[in-house]
C-alpha atoms as a PDB file:
ATOM      1  CA  MET A   1      49.388 -33.114 117.730  1.00  0.00           C
ATOM      2  CA  THR A   2      49.220 -36.745 116.841  1.00  0.00           C
ATOM      3  CA  VAL A   3      48.098 -38.117 113.622  1.00  0.00           C
ATOM      4  CA  LYS A   4      45.841 -41.087 113.604  1.00  0.00           C
ATOM      5  CA  THR A   5      46.318 -43.630 110.720  1.00  0.00           C
ATOM      6  CA  SER A   6      43.707 -45.728 109.901  1.00  0.00           C
ATOM      7  CA  THR A   7      44.318 -49.107 108.556  1.00  0.00           C
ATOM      8  CA  SER A   8      41.149 -49.455 107.021  1.00  0.00           C
ATOM      9  CA  PHE A   9      42.062 -46.419 104.808  1.00  0.00           C
ATOM     10  CA  ASP A  10      45.449 -48.044 103.735  1.00  0.00           C
ATOM     11  CA  GLY A  11      43.242 -51.411 103.196  1.00  0.00           C
ATOM     12  CA  ARG A  12      41.096 -49.674 100.797  1.00  0.00           C
ATOM     13  CA  PHE A  13      44.243 -48.465  98.718  1.00  0.00           C
ATOM     14  CA  ASP A  14      45.494 -51.815  98.619  1.00  0.00           C
ATOM     15  CA  LYS A  15      42.465 -53.162  97.332  1.00  0.00           C
ATOM     16  CA  ILE A  16      42.201 -50.518  94.506  1.00  0.00           C
ATOM     17  CA  GLU A  17      45.913 -51.425  93.678  1.00  0.00           C
ATOM     18  CA  GLU A  18      44.858 -54.972  93.318  1.00  0.00           C
ATOM     19  CA  GLN A  19      41.871 -54.237  91.037  1.00  0.00           C
ATOM     20  CA  ILE A  20      44.059 -51.850  88.861  1.00  0.00           C
ATOM     21  CA  GLN A  21      46.726 -54.548  88.571  1.00  0.00           C
ATOM     22  CA  SER A  22      43.878 -57.474  87.732  1.00  0.00           C
ATOM     23  CA  MET A  23      42.584 -54.998  85.031  1.00  0.00           C
ATOM     24  CA  GLY A  24      45.996 -54.748  83.805  1.00  0.00           C
ATOM     25  CA  VAL A  25      46.407 -58.362  83.280  1.00  0.00           C
ATOM     26  CA  ALA A  26      43.004 -58.655  81.755  1.00  0.00           C
ATOM     27  CA  PHE A  27      43.838 -55.768  79.449  1.00  0.00           C
ATOM     28  CA  ASP A  28      47.217 -57.260  78.533  1.00  0.00           C
ATOM     29  CA  LYS A  29      45.432 -60.653  77.656  1.00  0.00           C
ATOM     30  CA  GLN A  30      42.832 -58.885  75.619  1.00  0.00           C
ATOM     31  CA  ILE A  31      45.745 -57.005  73.805  1.00  0.00           C
ATOM     32  CA  ASP A  32      47.394 -60.493  73.234  1.00  0.00           C
ATOM     33  CA  GLN A  33      44.174 -62.101  71.719  1.00  0.00           C
ATOM     34  CA  LEU A  34      43.646 -58.967  69.554  1.00  0.00           C
ATOM     35  CA  THR A  35      47.169 -59.284  68.279  1.00  0.00           C
ATOM     36  CA  SER A  36      46.997 -62.699  67.570  1.00  0.00           C
ATOM     37  CA  THR A  37      43.954 -62.474  65.633  1.00  0.00           C
ATOM     38  CA  MET A  38      45.202 -59.446  63.634  1.00  0.00           C
ATOM     39  CA  LEU A  39      48.325 -61.608  62.974  1.00  0.00           C
ATOM     40  CA  GLU A  40      46.317 -64.521  61.956  1.00  0.00           C
ATOM     41  CA  GLY A  41      43.981 -62.221  59.545  1.00  0.00           C
ATOM     42  CA  PHE A  42      47.067 -60.575  58.012  1.00  0.00           C
ATOM     43  CA  SER A  43      48.461 -64.052  57.439  1.00  0.00           C
ATOM     44  CA  ARG A  44      45.303 -65.155  55.671  1.00  0.00           C
ATOM     45  CA  ILE A  45      45.380 -62.212  53.475  1.00  0.00           C
ATOM     46  CA  ASP A  46      48.853 -62.460  52.480  1.00  0.00           C
ATOM     47  CA  LYS A  47      48.117 -66.071  51.406  1.00  0.00           C
ATOM     48  CA  GLU A  48      45.242 -64.712  49.330  1.00  0.00           C
ATOM     49  CA  LEU A  49      47.280 -62.113  47.879  1.00  0.00           C
ATOM     50  CA  GLU A  50      49.633 -64.569  46.687  1.00  0.00           C
ATOM     51  CA  LYS A  51      47.184 -66.302  44.622  1.00  0.00           C
ATOM     52  CA  LYS A  52      46.310 -62.870  43.030  1.00  0.00           C
ATOM     53  CA  ALA A  53      47.310 -62.494  39.252  1.00  0.00           C
ATOM     54  CA  SER A  54      50.506 -60.567  38.449  1.00  0.00           C
ATOM     55  CA  LYS A  55      50.579 -57.854  35.818  1.00  0.00           C
ATOM     56  CA  GLU A  56      52.277 -60.142  33.233  1.00  0.00           C
ATOM     57  CA  ASP A  57      49.278 -62.462  33.924  1.00  0.00           C
ATOM     58  CA  ILE A  58      46.859 -59.802  33.202  1.00  0.00           C
ATOM     59  CA  ASN A  59      48.602 -58.463  30.374  1.00  0.00           C
ATOM     60  CA  ARG A  60      48.856 -61.982  28.836  1.00  0.00           C
ATOM     61  CA  LEU A  61      45.120 -62.402  29.440  1.00  0.00           C
ATOM     62  CA  PHE A  62      44.435 -58.950  27.490  1.00  0.00           C
ATOM     63  CA  ASN A  63      46.682 -59.919  24.790  1.00  0.00           C
ATOM     64  CA  LEU A  64      44.856 -63.333  24.338  1.00  0.00           C
ATOM     65  CA  MET A  65      41.465 -61.498  24.545  1.00  0.00           C
ATOM     66  CA  ASP A  66      42.576 -59.208  21.794  1.00  0.00           C
ATOM     67  CA  LYS A  67      43.718 -62.187  19.579  1.00  0.00           C
ATOM     68  CA  ILE A  68      40.352 -63.698  20.228  1.00  0.00           C
ATOM     69  CA  ALA A  69      38.375 -60.691  19.228  1.00  0.00           C
ATOM     70  CA  LYS A  70      40.442 -60.049  16.225  1.00  0.00           C
ATOM     71  CA  GLN A  71      40.102 -63.665  14.980  1.00  0.00           C
ATOM     72  CA  GLN A  72      36.267 -63.064  15.471  1.00  0.00           C
ATOM     73  CA  GLU A  73      36.446 -60.028  13.476  1.00  0.00           C
ATOM     74  CA  ILE A  74      38.239 -61.906  10.768  1.00  0.00           C
ATOM     75  CA  ASP A  75      35.582 -64.786  10.816  1.00  0.00           C
ATOM     76  CA  ASP A  76      32.635 -62.369  10.717  1.00  0.00           C
ATOM     77  CA  ASP A  77      34.110 -60.552   7.654  1.00  0.00           C
ATOM     78  CA  GLU A  78      34.909 -63.802   6.167  1.00  0.00           C
ATOM     79  CA  ARG A  79      31.407 -65.228   6.700  1.00  0.00           C
ATOM     80  CA  LEU A  80      30.162 -61.973   5.255  1.00  0.00           C
ATOM     81  CA  VAL A  81      32.120 -62.239   2.105  1.00  0.00           C
ATOM     82  CA  MET A  82      30.985 -66.000   1.545  1.00  0.00           C
ATOM     83  CA  GLY A  83      27.294 -64.736   1.925  1.00  0.00           C
ATOM     84  CA  HIS A  84      27.836 -62.441  -0.774  1.00  0.00           C
ATOM     85  CA  GLN A  85      29.570 -64.941  -2.831  1.00  0.00           C
ATOM     86  CA  LEU A  86      26.981 -67.617  -2.215  1.00  0.00           C
ATOM     87  CA  GLU A  87      24.053 -64.848  -3.349  1.00  0.00           C
ATOM     88  CA  ARG A  88      26.016 -63.976  -6.469  1.00  0.00           C
ATOM     89  CA  LEU A  89      26.495 -67.741  -7.384  1.00  0.00           C
ATOM     90  CA  ASP A  90      22.883 -68.478  -6.654  1.00  0.00           C
ATOM     91  CA  ARG A  91      22.048 -65.287  -9.071  1.00  0.00           C
ATOM     92  CA  TRP A  92      24.085 -66.838 -11.751  1.00  0.00           C
ATOM     93  CA  VAL A  93      22.338 -70.308 -11.394  1.00  0.00           C
ATOM     94  CA  HIS A  94      19.143 -68.535 -11.707  1.00  0.00           C
ATOM     95  CA  GLU A  95      20.219 -66.556 -14.742  1.00  0.00           C
ATOM     96  CA  VAL A  96      21.759 -69.693 -16.518  1.00  0.00           C
ATOM     97  CA  ALA A  97      18.437 -71.599 -15.709  1.00  0.00           C
ATOM     98  CA  ASP A  98      16.225 -68.969 -17.081  1.00  0.00           C
ATOM     99  CA  LYS A  99      18.539 -68.867 -20.342  1.00  0.00           C
ATOM    100  CA  ILE A 100      18.133 -72.599 -20.950  1.00  0.00           C
ATOM    101  CA  GLY A 101      14.600 -72.611 -19.908  1.00  0.00           C
ATOM    102  CA  TYR A 102      14.904 -74.638 -16.812  1.00  0.00           C
ATOM    103  CA  LYS A 103      12.518 -73.912 -13.765  1.00  0.00           C
ATOM    104  CA  LEU A 104      14.183 -74.156 -10.522  1.00  0.00           C
ATOM    105  CA  SER A 105      12.286 -75.319  -7.620  1.00  0.00           C
ATOM    106  CA  ILE A 106      12.928 -74.181  -3.954  1.00  0.00           C
END
């Protein structure tokens, strides 16, 4: 019994092998492009993270905000006291004006 070998059959395998190899090359190129794009993205992210404030910077800002809030509270209290002092002074002036018979006009 003789086995017939078909060259067309072997040729088809050769074509399939070439197609697989070309797909592999294309896949490698896509992977290289994807890797390159990802590395560029990571590089940009690293640069942005370098600009990010450190914990010391944030703590300094919080301390500064606390200081400003405390000063605002003190200023508000002082204005309140000054308002009461002004009302008392105005009342005294009116009392003195009434005692000496002087009419104050607004």
